[in-house]
Amino acid sequence: MLTLDDLSDVGRLVAIDAETTGFRVPTAAEIKKMPKGLRLPGIMIEIGCIELLRGEDGWKTGESWHRRIQPGGPIAKASIAVHGITPADLKDAPQFRDVLDEFETFIGQDMLLAHSAENEIEFLNFEYARVGRCGFDEVIFSDNDFVCTQDLSRQFFPGVPGSLDVLCDRLWIDRSDRFEHHGALLDAILTAEAFMKMAGGFVQDDTRYMSFGDQ
């Protein structure tokens, strides 16, 4: 994953989060054993993105992009309990291939930001393979395309659980909108806010302030 040092010449990032069906992404080996012609359902049912722009006084958020997606398959009850998105909510939603051009236009060639970024990498590569943009044993996105706020947080709060909720609480970020349900755009925004606080040079841990440059 990329670090803050890798961003010295970067002027735009895109924070991204995905809500999913809750089912595991099959491996390339598992897919090869499946019957030919089998139509695999999607994993992502919602994508949320928000851009971060670097100005003279630091990072600020800009435009956002958000879509719900028809996966063409079931959604696990446990996942519905987390994000509140039901199959009925996706009845008229586009498929991933239908929003792909919009998605790529929004992210451009810029670096991406996510919390627990390995999840977004896995989901995106699977969806890209489903629409034929790469093989299931190939990747479009890798660690080199992402900054992970979970990894960054461990530099400030070693040993602390790495969830987005815990990080927001440590950074004094209001996450009350997340109490009832998670959401892709909401979580992308919270991820962006967490990054801006950590990249700004100071974070607060109880009554002690820490400077990134001093770590």
Protein backbone atom coordinates (compact mmCIF):
# COMPACT_ATOMS: atom_id res chain seq x y z
CA MET A 1 0.00 0.00 0.00
CA LEU A 2 1.07 3.58 -0.58
CA THR A 3 2.07 5.84 2.32
CA LEU A 4 1.86 9.56 2.97
CA ASP A 5 5.42 9.90 1.68
CA ASP A 6 4.25 8.59 -1.69
CA LEU A 7 1.76 11.46 -1.99
CA SER A 8 4.16 14.39 -1.94
CA ASP A 9 3.46 15.24 -5.58
CA VAL A 10 -0.17 14.10 -5.63
CA GLY A 11 -2.90 16.72 -5.96
CA ARG A 12 -6.00 14.51 -6.12
CA LEU A 13 -7.10 11.32 -4.39
CA VAL A 14 -10.41 9.47 -4.62
CA ALA A 15 -11.79 7.88 -1.46
CA ILE A 16 -13.86 4.80 -2.31
CA ASP A 17 -16.06 2.35 -0.45
CA ALA A 18 -18.28 -0.52 -1.57
CA GLU A 19 -21.22 -2.28 0.03
CA THR A 20 -21.60 -5.90 -1.04
CA THR A 21 -23.86 -8.93 -1.18
CA GLY A 22 -21.89 -10.36 1.73
CA PHE A 23 -20.80 -13.44 -0.18
CA ARG A 24 -17.15 -14.40 -0.60
CA VAL A 25 -15.35 -13.59 -3.83
CA PRO A 26 -14.50 -16.94 -5.46
CA THR A 27 -10.88 -17.61 -6.31
CA ALA A 28 -9.67 -17.99 -9.89
CA ALA A 29 -9.07 -21.70 -9.22
CA GLU A 30 -12.64 -22.14 -8.00
CA ILE A 31 -14.02 -20.32 -11.02
CA LYS A 32 -12.06 -22.57 -13.41
CA LYS A 33 -13.80 -25.60 -11.90
CA MET A 34 -17.27 -24.12 -12.44
CA PRO A 35 -19.40 -25.21 -15.43
CA LYS A 36 -18.62 -23.32 -18.63
CA GLY A 37 -21.16 -20.61 -19.37
CA LEU A 38 -22.10 -20.18 -15.71
CA ARG A 39 -23.04 -16.57 -15.10
CA LEU A 40 -21.41 -15.45 -11.86
CA PRO A 41 -23.39 -12.95 -9.78
CA GLY A 42 -21.77 -9.71 -8.74
CA ILE A 43 -20.42 -8.82 -5.33
CA MET A 44 -20.77 -5.03 -5.15
CA ILE A 45 -24.23 -3.54 -4.75
CA GLU A 46 -23.22 0.05 -3.99
CA ILE A 47 -20.15 2.18 -4.73
CA GLY A 48 -19.43 5.55 -3.18
CA CYS A 49 -16.55 7.87 -4.06
CA ILE A 50 -15.47 11.35 -3.02
CA GLU A 51 -12.47 13.27 -4.31
CA LEU A 52 -9.84 14.89 -2.12
CA LEU A 53 -8.00 17.88 -3.53
CA ARG A 54 -4.76 19.26 -2.17
CA GLY A 55 -4.67 23.01 -1.72
CA GLU A 56 -2.23 25.43 -0.17
CA ASP A 57 -3.75 24.77 3.25
CA GLY A 58 -4.01 21.00 2.95
CA TRP A 59 -6.52 18.44 1.71
CA LYS A 60 -10.21 19.23 1.17
CA THR A 61 -13.08 17.15 -0.19
CA GLY A 62 -14.64 17.95 -3.55
CA GLU A 63 -17.14 16.22 -5.84
CA SER A 64 -18.72 12.86 -5.06
CA TRP A 65 -20.05 9.93 -7.13
CA HIS A 66 -22.45 7.28 -5.91
CA ARG A 67 -24.37 4.41 -7.54
CA ARG A 68 -26.30 1.35 -6.48
CA ILE A 69 -25.70 -1.76 -8.57
CA GLN A 70 -27.77 -4.80 -9.50
CA PRO A 71 -25.63 -7.86 -8.66
CA GLY A 72 -27.80 -10.40 -10.45
CA GLY A 73 -27.84 -12.63 -7.39
CA PRO A 74 -28.92 -12.89 -3.74
CA ILE A 75 -27.84 -10.67 -0.86
CA ALA A 76 -26.94 -12.27 2.47
CA LYS A 77 -29.27 -11.41 5.34
CA ALA A 78 -26.29 -10.54 7.54
CA SER A 79 -25.19 -7.93 5.00
CA ILE A 80 -28.67 -6.45 4.71
CA ALA A 81 -28.57 -5.95 8.48
CA VAL A 82 -25.36 -3.92 8.02
CA HIS A 83 -26.19 -1.71 5.03
CA GLY A 84 -29.99 -1.99 4.86
CA ILE A 85 -30.02 -2.54 1.08
CA THR A 86 -32.51 -5.20 0.00
CA PRO A 87 -33.03 -6.89 -3.38
CA ALA A 88 -36.17 -4.76 -3.82
CA ASP A 89 -34.05 -1.62 -3.48
CA LEU A 90 -31.97 -2.79 -6.44
CA LYS A 91 -34.84 -3.82 -8.70
CA ASP A 92 -34.19 -1.03 -11.21
CA ALA A 93 -30.48 -0.52 -10.46
CA PRO A 94 -27.96 -0.73 -13.33
CA GLN A 95 -25.41 -3.52 -13.57
CA PHE A 96 -21.73 -2.86 -12.95
CA ARG A 97 -20.96 -2.78 -16.67
CA ASP A 98 -23.53 0.01 -17.07
CA VAL A 99 -21.81 2.32 -14.57
CA LEU A 100 -18.23 1.41 -15.41
CA ASP A 101 -17.62 4.32 -17.79
CA GLU A 102 -18.98 6.81 -15.22
CA PHE A 103 -16.87 5.24 -12.50
CA GLU A 104 -13.67 5.38 -14.55
CA THR A 105 -14.36 8.96 -15.62
CA PHE A 106 -14.71 9.99 -11.97
CA ILE A 107 -11.62 8.24 -10.62
CA GLY A 108 -9.48 9.06 -13.65
CA GLN A 109 -5.87 7.96 -13.23
CA ASP A 110 -5.65 9.17 -9.64
CA MET A 111 -4.68 7.19 -6.58
CA LEU A 112 -7.49 5.67 -4.54
CA LEU A 113 -8.07 5.79 -0.79
CA ALA A 114 -9.96 3.17 1.21
CA HIS A 115 -10.24 1.75 4.69
CA SER A 116 -9.06 -1.86 4.68
CA ALA A 117 -8.23 -1.31 1.03
CA GLU A 118 -7.59 -4.99 0.28
CA ASN A 119 -11.35 -5.47 0.30
CA GLU A 120 -12.00 -2.83 -2.36
CA ILE A 121 -9.12 -4.20 -4.44
CA GLU A 122 -10.63 -7.69 -4.37
CA PHE A 123 -14.17 -6.49 -5.14
CA LEU A 124 -13.11 -4.26 -8.03
CA ASN A 125 -10.89 -6.87 -9.66
CA PHE A 126 -13.69 -9.42 -9.48
CA GLU A 127 -16.23 -7.06 -11.02
CA TYR A 128 -13.80 -6.05 -13.77
CA ALA A 129 -13.21 -9.72 -14.57
CA ARG A 130 -16.97 -10.38 -14.67
CA VAL A 131 -17.39 -7.80 -17.43
CA GLY A 132 -14.42 -9.14 -19.38
CA ARG A 133 -11.93 -6.37 -18.71
CA CYS A 134 -9.41 -8.88 -17.36
CA GLY A 135 -9.16 -12.56 -16.50
CA PHE A 136 -10.17 -13.87 -13.09
CA ASP A 137 -6.50 -14.65 -12.48
CA GLU A 138 -5.45 -11.11 -13.43
CA VAL A 139 -5.72 -7.75 -11.66
CA ILE A 140 -6.60 -4.23 -12.72
CA PHE A 141 -6.11 -2.77 -9.24
CA SER A 142 -3.28 -3.53 -6.82
CA ASP A 143 -1.73 -2.25 -3.61
CA ASN A 144 0.17 0.30 -5.69
CA ASP A 145 -3.10 2.04 -6.58
CA PHE A 146 -4.33 2.51 -3.02
CA VAL A 147 -3.64 4.38 0.19
CA CYS A 148 -5.16 2.48 3.12
CA THR A 149 -6.37 4.48 6.13
CA GLN A 150 -6.34 1.31 8.22
CA ASP A 151 -2.60 0.95 7.59
CA LEU A 152 -2.02 4.65 8.29
CA SER A 153 -3.96 4.44 11.55
CA ARG A 154 -1.60 1.80 12.94
CA GLN A 155 1.21 4.36 12.88
CA PHE A 156 -0.76 6.58 15.26
CA PHE A 157 -2.68 4.00 17.30
CA PRO A 158 -0.63 0.79 17.45
CA GLY A 159 -2.53 -2.15 18.85
CA VAL A 160 -5.92 -0.46 18.50
CA PRO A 161 -8.62 -2.36 16.54
CA GLY A 162 -8.53 -1.31 12.90
CA SER A 163 -12.21 -0.74 12.21
CA LEU A 164 -13.45 2.50 10.65
CA ASP A 165 -15.70 3.08 13.68
CA VAL A 166 -12.74 2.90 16.08
CA LEU A 167 -10.63 5.18 13.91
CA CYS A 168 -13.40 7.78 13.68
CA ASP A 169 -13.80 7.75 17.45
CA ARG A 170 -10.06 8.15 17.97
CA LEU A 171 -10.02 11.09 15.57
CA TRP A 172 -13.16 12.70 16.98
CA ILE A 173 -15.09 12.28 13.72
CA ASP A 174 -18.88 12.21 13.95
CA ARG A 175 -20.07 8.81 12.71
CA SER A 176 -23.61 8.98 14.09
CA ASP A 177 -25.10 8.58 10.59
CA ARG A 178 -23.50 5.12 10.58
CA PHE A 179 -25.24 3.94 13.75
CA GLU A 180 -28.27 2.49 11.93
CA HIS A 181 -26.73 1.40 8.63
CA HIS A 182 -23.48 1.62 6.71
CA GLY A 183 -23.43 3.23 3.28
CA ALA A 184 -20.84 3.34 0.52
CA LEU A 185 -20.78 7.12 0.11
CA LEU A 186 -21.04 7.70 3.85
CA ASP A 187 -18.11 5.39 4.52
CA ALA A 188 -16.07 6.97 1.72
CA ILE A 189 -16.68 10.38 3.29
CA LEU A 190 -15.66 9.13 6.76
CA THR A 191 -12.55 7.55 5.25
CA ALA A 192 -11.70 10.85 3.57
CA GLU A 193 -12.18 12.75 6.84
CA ALA A 194 -9.96 10.31 8.71
CA PHE A 195 -7.26 10.64 6.08
CA MET A 196 -7.38 14.44 6.18
CA LYS A 197 -6.93 14.44 9.95
CA MET A 198 -4.00 12.05 9.84
CA ALA A 199 -2.38 13.72 6.83
CA GLY A 200 -2.85 17.14 8.43
CA GLY A 201 0.00 16.43 10.83
CA PHE A 202 -1.82 16.01 14.12
CA VAL A 203 -4.23 13.51 15.58
CA GLN A 204 -5.60 13.36 19.09
CA ASP A 205 -5.35 10.26 21.26
CA ASP A 206 -7.13 11.04 24.54
CA THR A 207 -5.29 14.14 25.87
CA ARG A 208 -2.06 13.52 23.97
CA TYR A 209 -1.37 15.09 20.55
CA MET A 210 0.95 13.35 18.13
CA SER A 211 2.63 14.77 15.07
CA PHE A 212 3.08 12.42 12.13
CA GLY A 213 6.53 13.79 11.55
CA ASP A 214 7.55 12.82 15.09
CA GLN A 215 6.58 9.14 14.74
